[in-house]
C-alpha cells in the first residue's frame, strides 16, 4: 500500500522504521511537526521522525496546521491508500480523514477506551493500572473515539516508568500496525465500536504536576515519579535548590511522627523521606546543573545536603 506517515517523537519513529523495513508497503511521504527550539542555545531541532525520514530519502512535510485548504490539497495530490498517524500532535480535520482511500488509522498507547487523550501512558502508570497496550483504530473526528481494529496488551510492573513503557509499547505496536495494514489490504479487518462509558481522559501533563507533595502517600508519589520520567521529571526543593527525582521506591514507615518531607536517613541505599503514609526511598536524583546520578554517588561529595531531620519541600 501507498502510505502517508504522520508522527513526531521517538515512539512514532519506531513505527515508521517498521513500515520502511516492510516489503509489503511503501511510505510515499512523511508528515511531522515543525522543527522546535531545543537546548540551552534554543537552536531548531528536527523531530525523530523527520531525521529518520530524511535518512531514507523520504519527502517530509511540516505544516503548522492541516486546516489550510492548500495543505489539504498537497496531501490529496499524494494519492495515498492510507495515512498512518502515531503521536503526530496536530489535529486532522475531516477533509484530511476522508482523503486517503482507506482513511486514516492511529496507533494509540492505551487499551481503548480506557485512556483517551494526550498522555495515556503517563496516566495509566499514575493511576496504578496493572496493564497497558496499543490500540490501532480507524480515526474519526472525535478524540481517540474511532472504531478499534487491533489491541495488543502488556503488563506494567512496579519498576516501569513512562520511558520503559514507551519501549515496551514500541515492541508490540510496530508488529500490530503491520498486521492491521495487511488485514485492511485484504479487506479482513474487523472494526469494533468503543464503549464510551468505559473511557477516561488522559490530560496532557502539566509541569506543575511534577512538584512532589510529601503529604501524599508514598505509593502515590512512587507512581507519579515513574509516570513523569522522563518528562517533565518529578522534583522537590531543598532550600533554594530544585532537585529532580528520577527513581524511588516505597518503604514501610516505622516512625509515625515524621513530618512529610523529613529526611530519615541517607546512605548507599538512598535517601529515605517521610510521606503522608509510609516513606519513600530516593535512589536516583539530579542536582541543579548536574547529570542524574545514583544517590550513593552524590552522597560521596554532597552528603551534608541530606542530613537527617532536613525537610524537603520547604522553599
Protein backbone atom coordinates (compact mmCIF):
# COMPACT_ATOMS: atom_id res chain seq x y z
CA UNK A 1 0.00 0.00 0.00
CA UNK A 2 1.00 3.61 -0.57
CA UNK A 3 1.25 5.13 2.90
CA UNK A 4 1.48 8.65 4.27
CA UNK A 5 3.04 8.54 7.74
CA UNK A 6 2.44 11.29 10.32
CA UNK A 7 4.34 11.35 13.61
CA UNK A 8 6.88 13.27 15.65
CA UNK A 9 8.72 11.66 18.66
CA UNK A 10 10.87 8.54 19.11
CA UNK A 11 7.79 6.38 19.68
CA UNK A 12 6.48 7.35 16.24
CA UNK A 13 9.89 6.86 14.62
CA UNK A 14 9.95 3.22 15.77
CA UNK A 15 6.71 2.62 13.85
CA UNK A 16 7.98 4.47 10.79
CA UNK A 17 11.06 2.25 10.80
CA UNK A 18 8.85 -0.84 10.78
CA UNK A 19 6.99 0.47 7.73
CA UNK A 20 10.25 1.33 5.95
CA UNK A 21 11.51 -2.21 6.61
CA UNK A 22 8.28 -3.82 5.37
CA UNK A 23 8.41 -5.12 1.77
CA UNK A 24 4.59 -5.13 1.55
CA UNK A 25 4.17 -1.36 1.87
CA UNK A 26 5.60 1.87 0.52
CA UNK A 27 5.90 5.08 2.53
CA UNK A 28 5.42 7.82 -0.04
CA UNK A 29 5.51 10.84 2.29
CA UNK A 30 6.12 11.74 5.93
CA UNK A 31 4.43 14.46 7.97
CA UNK A 32 5.99 15.74 11.19
CA UNK A 33 5.68 18.82 13.37
CA UNK A 34 7.83 21.84 12.51
CA UNK A 35 11.35 21.98 13.95
CA UNK A 36 11.34 23.35 17.51
CA UNK A 37 13.93 25.29 19.56
CA UNK A 38 15.76 22.96 21.93
CA UNK A 39 18.67 23.00 24.37
CA UNK A 40 20.34 25.95 26.01
CA UNK A 41 21.12 27.55 22.67
CA UNK A 42 17.49 27.18 21.55
CA UNK A 43 18.61 26.01 18.12
CA UNK A 44 15.95 24.48 15.91
CA UNK A 45 15.87 20.70 16.26
CA UNK A 46 14.22 18.26 13.87
CA UNK A 47 11.90 15.60 15.23
CA UNK A 48 13.00 11.96 15.43
CA UNK A 49 10.56 11.13 12.62
CA UNK A 50 11.96 13.81 10.33
CA UNK A 51 15.54 12.68 10.96
CA UNK A 52 14.63 9.08 10.13
CA UNK A 53 12.63 10.05 7.04
CA UNK A 54 15.43 12.17 5.62
CA UNK A 55 17.93 9.36 6.25
CA UNK A 56 15.79 7.22 3.91
CA UNK A 57 15.25 9.99 1.36
CA UNK A 58 11.53 10.24 2.05
CA UNK A 59 9.77 13.55 1.32
CA UNK A 60 8.93 15.39 4.55
CA UNK A 61 6.12 17.90 5.07
CA UNK A 62 5.94 20.10 8.18
CA UNK A 63 2.85 22.31 8.01
CA UNK A 64 1.86 24.36 11.05
CA UNK A 65 -1.68 23.11 10.52
CA UNK A 66 -3.65 20.83 8.23
CA UNK A 67 -6.71 23.06 8.33
CA UNK A 68 -5.36 25.13 5.44
CA UNK A 69 -7.08 24.08 2.14
CA UNK A 70 -3.77 24.47 0.30
CA UNK A 71 -2.10 21.98 2.66
CA UNK A 72 -5.05 19.63 2.29
CA UNK A 73 -4.66 19.71 -1.48
CA UNK A 74 -0.94 18.91 -1.22
CA UNK A 75 -1.82 15.85 0.86
CA UNK A 76 -4.59 14.81 -1.54
CA UNK A 77 -2.23 15.07 -4.53
CA UNK A 78 -0.10 12.31 -2.96
CA UNK A 79 -2.94 9.86 -3.72
CA UNK A 80 -2.20 7.62 -0.75
CA UNK A 81 -4.07 4.43 0.05
CA UNK A 82 -3.95 5.13 3.79
CA UNK A 83 -2.49 7.54 6.35
CA UNK A 84 -0.84 6.14 9.48
CA UNK A 85 -0.74 8.54 12.44
CA UNK A 86 1.44 7.94 15.51
CA UNK A 87 1.87 10.71 18.12
CA UNK A 88 1.74 13.39 15.43
CA UNK A 89 0.50 16.20 17.65
CA UNK A 90 -1.69 18.02 15.12
CA UNK A 91 -5.45 17.73 14.68
CA UNK A 92 -6.57 16.10 11.45
CA UNK A 93 -9.69 17.83 10.10
CA UNK A 94 -12.43 15.78 8.48
CA UNK A 95 -11.23 16.72 5.00
CA UNK A 96 -7.90 15.02 5.73
CA UNK A 97 -9.51 11.99 7.39
CA UNK A 98 -11.56 11.46 4.24
CA UNK A 99 -8.70 11.90 1.74
CA UNK A 100 -6.84 8.53 1.65
CA UNK A 101 -8.73 5.65 0.02
CA UNK A 102 -8.79 3.66 3.27
CA UNK A 103 -8.91 6.68 5.57
CA UNK A 104 -6.55 7.31 8.48
CA UNK A 105 -5.55 4.93 11.25
CA UNK A 106 -3.92 5.83 14.56
CA UNK A 107 -1.56 3.91 16.84
CA UNK A 108 -2.62 4.90 20.37
CA UNK A 109 -0.71 3.99 23.53
CA UNK A 110 -3.54 2.61 25.64
CA UNK A 111 -6.14 -0.13 25.76
CA UNK A 112 -9.03 1.92 24.45
CA UNK A 113 -11.39 3.21 25.55
CA UNK A 114 -9.57 3.25 28.93
CA UNK A 115 -7.35 6.29 28.29
CA UNK A 116 -8.20 8.76 25.56
CA UNK A 117 -6.13 11.90 25.14
CA UNK A 118 -2.57 13.19 25.01
CA UNK A 119 -0.86 11.29 27.86
CA UNK A 120 -2.28 7.75 28.11
CA UNK A 121 0.95 6.06 29.19
CA UNK A 122 1.68 8.55 31.95
CA UNK A 123 -1.88 8.48 33.25
CA UNK A 124 -2.00 4.69 33.28
CA UNK A 125 1.14 4.49 35.43
CA UNK A 126 -0.04 7.33 37.67
CA UNK A 127 -3.38 5.59 38.24
CA UNK A 128 -1.73 2.32 39.17
CA UNK A 129 -3.04 0.33 36.19
CA UNK A 130 -1.65 -3.20 36.01
CA UNK A 131 -1.63 -3.36 32.21
CA UNK A 132 -1.47 -1.09 29.21
CA UNK A 133 -1.33 -1.65 25.50
CA UNK A 134 -1.53 -0.32 21.98
CA UNK A 135 -4.83 0.18 20.19
CA UNK A 136 -4.92 0.71 16.44
CA UNK A 137 -8.10 2.48 15.46
CA UNK A 138 -9.81 3.96 12.45
CA UNK A 139 -9.67 7.71 13.03
CA UNK A 140 -12.79 9.85 13.18
CA UNK A 141 -13.48 13.44 14.20
CA UNK A 142 -13.58 12.61 17.93
CA UNK A 143 -10.71 12.40 20.41
CA UNK A 144 -9.50 8.79 20.17
CA UNK A 145 -13.09 7.62 19.66
CA UNK A 146 -12.74 5.69 16.40
CA UNK A 147 -13.56 2.03 15.89
CA UNK A 148 -10.81 -0.32 17.13
CA UNK A 149 -9.01 -2.53 14.63
CA UNK A 150 -6.45 -4.19 16.92
CA UNK A 151 -5.45 -4.24 20.61
CA UNK A 152 -2.11 -5.53 21.91
CA UNK A 153 -1.52 -5.70 25.68
CA UNK A 154 1.42 -5.80 28.09
CA UNK A 155 1.84 -5.64 31.87
CA UNK A 156 3.01 -2.63 33.87
CA UNK A 157 5.36 -3.76 36.63
CA UNK A 158 6.30 -1.86 39.77
CA UNK A 159 9.54 -0.53 38.31
CA UNK A 160 8.16 0.70 34.98
CA UNK A 161 8.40 4.38 34.11
CA UNK A 162 6.93 6.14 31.11
CA UNK A 163 10.35 5.78 29.48
CA UNK A 164 10.41 1.99 29.85
CA UNK A 165 6.75 1.64 28.86
CA UNK A 166 7.32 3.57 25.62
CA UNK A 167 9.97 0.99 24.70
CA UNK A 168 7.66 -1.92 25.56
CA UNK A 169 4.83 -0.43 23.52
CA UNK A 170 7.12 0.18 20.55
CA UNK A 171 7.91 -3.53 20.53
CA UNK A 172 4.25 -4.58 20.41
CA UNK A 173 2.89 -1.60 18.46
CA UNK A 174 5.02 -1.92 15.33
CA UNK A 175 4.09 -5.56 14.52
CA UNK A 176 0.46 -4.84 15.40
CA UNK A 177 0.48 -1.97 12.90
CA UNK A 178 1.89 -4.15 10.12
CA UNK A 179 -0.65 -6.89 10.86
CA UNK A 180 -3.51 -4.39 10.79
CA UNK A 181 -2.36 -2.94 7.46
CA UNK A 182 -2.24 -6.45 5.99
CA UNK A 183 -5.81 -7.13 7.13
CA UNK A 184 -7.04 -3.82 5.76
CA UNK A 185 -5.40 -4.53 2.43
CA UNK A 186 -7.07 -7.94 2.31
CA UNK A 187 -10.41 -6.48 3.48
CA UNK A 188 -10.31 -8.74 6.55
CA UNK A 189 -10.07 -6.11 9.30
CA UNK A 190 -12.79 -6.14 11.96
CA UNK A 191 -13.70 -2.74 13.40
CA UNK A 192 -15.09 -2.77 16.96
CA UNK A 193 -17.01 0.27 18.22
CA UNK A 194 -15.74 1.68 21.52
CA UNK A 195 -17.86 1.71 24.68
CA UNK A 196 -17.82 5.42 25.58
CA UNK A 197 -18.96 4.68 29.14
CA UNK A 198 -15.61 2.98 29.85
CA UNK A 199 -13.43 5.91 28.79
CA UNK A 200 -11.14 8.13 30.86
CA UNK A 201 -9.46 11.34 29.73
CA UNK A 202 -5.65 11.28 29.74
CA UNK A 203 -5.00 15.01 30.05
CA UNK A 204 -1.74 16.49 28.79
CA UNK A 205 0.92 16.58 31.50
CA UNK A 206 1.31 19.98 33.15
CA UNK A 207 4.76 20.77 34.57
CA UNK A 208 3.16 21.96 37.80
CA UNK A 209 2.03 18.37 38.47
CA UNK A 210 5.66 17.30 38.83
CA UNK A 211 6.13 19.09 42.17
CA UNK A 212 6.20 16.41 44.87
CA UNK A 213 3.64 16.87 47.65
CA UNK A 214 5.18 14.96 50.55
CA UNK A 215 1.87 14.87 52.43
CA UNK A 216 0.60 12.30 49.91
CA UNK A 217 1.10 8.54 50.48
CA UNK A 218 4.44 7.18 49.33
CA UNK A 219 2.78 4.71 46.93
CA UNK A 220 1.10 7.57 45.06
CA UNK A 221 4.34 9.56 44.88
CA UNK A 222 6.18 6.47 43.62
CA UNK A 223 3.72 6.18 40.73
CA UNK A 224 3.92 9.89 39.94
CA UNK A 225 7.72 9.80 39.83
CA UNK A 226 7.62 6.87 37.40
CA UNK A 227 4.85 8.47 35.33
CA UNK A 228 6.78 11.73 34.94
CA UNK A 229 10.04 10.03 33.95
CA UNK A 230 11.37 11.27 31.52
CA UNK A 231 9.03 14.28 31.23
CA UNK A 232 8.54 16.60 33.00
CA UNK A 233 10.51 14.83 35.82
CA UNK A 234 9.24 14.94 39.40
CA UNK A 235 11.04 17.44 41.62
CA UNK A 236 11.26 18.77 45.15
CA UNK A 237 13.04 21.67 46.81
CA UNK A 238 15.86 21.73 49.35
CA UNK A 239 16.23 25.31 50.45
CA UNK A 240 16.77 27.23 47.23
CA UNK A 241 17.79 24.11 45.30
CA UNK A 242 15.44 22.30 42.96
CA UNK A 243 16.16 18.57 42.94
CA UNK A 244 14.74 16.24 40.31
CA UNK A 245 13.75 12.77 41.47
CA UNK A 246 14.15 10.06 38.82
CA UNK A 247 13.75 6.83 40.77
CA UNK A 248 12.30 5.92 44.14
CA UNK A 249 10.55 3.08 45.95
CA UNK A 250 8.01 2.80 48.74
CA UNK A 251 9.24 1.69 52.18
CA UNK A 252 7.24 0.87 55.31
CA UNK A 253 7.47 3.84 57.66
CA UNK A 254 8.29 2.98 61.27
CA UNK A 255 8.19 6.44 62.88
CA UNK A 256 4.62 7.75 62.56
CA UNK A 257 5.59 11.17 63.97
CA UNK A 258 7.69 12.15 60.99
CA UNK A 259 6.84 15.37 59.20
CA UNK A 260 6.08 14.98 55.48
CA UNK A 261 9.29 15.58 53.55
CA UNK A 262 11.56 14.91 56.52
CA UNK A 263 14.75 13.03 55.72
CA UNK A 264 15.02 9.94 57.91
CA UNK A 265 18.40 8.73 56.68
CA UNK A 266 20.78 8.98 53.75
CA UNK A 267 23.15 6.14 52.87
CA UNK A 268 24.16 3.96 49.95
CA UNK A 269 20.61 2.56 49.69
CA UNK A 270 19.22 6.04 49.07
CA UNK A 271 17.60 8.99 50.82
CA UNK A 272 14.68 7.88 52.99
CA UNK A 273 11.96 10.55 53.23
CA UNK A 274 8.79 10.62 55.31
CA UNK A 275 5.44 10.95 53.49
CA UNK A 276 1.78 11.21 54.42
CA UNK A 277 1.76 7.41 54.60
CA UNK A 278 4.87 5.21 54.70
CA UNK A 279 8.11 6.64 53.36
CA UNK A 280 9.91 6.98 50.04
CA UNK A 281 13.46 5.86 49.32
CA UNK A 282 15.00 8.12 46.67
CA UNK A 283 17.60 6.15 44.70
CA UNK A 284 18.36 8.38 41.70
CA UNK A 285 18.21 12.18 41.74
CA UNK A 286 19.62 15.18 39.92
CA UNK A 287 21.10 18.32 41.44
CA UNK A 288 20.86 21.65 39.58
CA UNK A 289 23.32 21.85 36.70
CA UNK A 290 24.39 18.23 37.13
CA UNK A 291 23.56 14.91 35.49
CA UNK A 292 21.14 12.46 37.06
CA UNK A 293 23.04 10.11 39.35
CA UNK A 294 22.58 7.33 41.86
CA UNK A 295 22.19 8.74 45.38
CA UNK A 296 25.14 6.64 46.54
CA UNK A 297 27.39 8.60 44.16
CA UNK A 298 26.02 12.01 45.12
CA UNK A 299 26.49 11.34 48.84
CA UNK A 300 30.24 10.91 48.30
CA UNK A 301 30.59 14.66 47.79
CA UNK A 302 27.32 16.27 48.92
CA UNK A 303 26.20 14.24 51.95
CA UNK A 304 25.86 17.40 54.04
CA UNK A 305 22.81 18.42 51.98
CA UNK A 306 20.83 15.39 53.09
CA UNK A 307 21.40 15.12 56.82
CA UNK A 308 18.68 13.53 58.96
CA UNK A 309 15.81 15.83 60.05
CA UNK A 310 16.25 18.07 56.98
CA UNK A 311 12.89 18.85 55.41
CA UNK A 312 12.41 18.58 51.68
CA UNK A 313 9.79 20.75 50.04
CA UNK A 314 10.36 23.84 52.20
CA UNK A 315 11.08 26.53 49.62
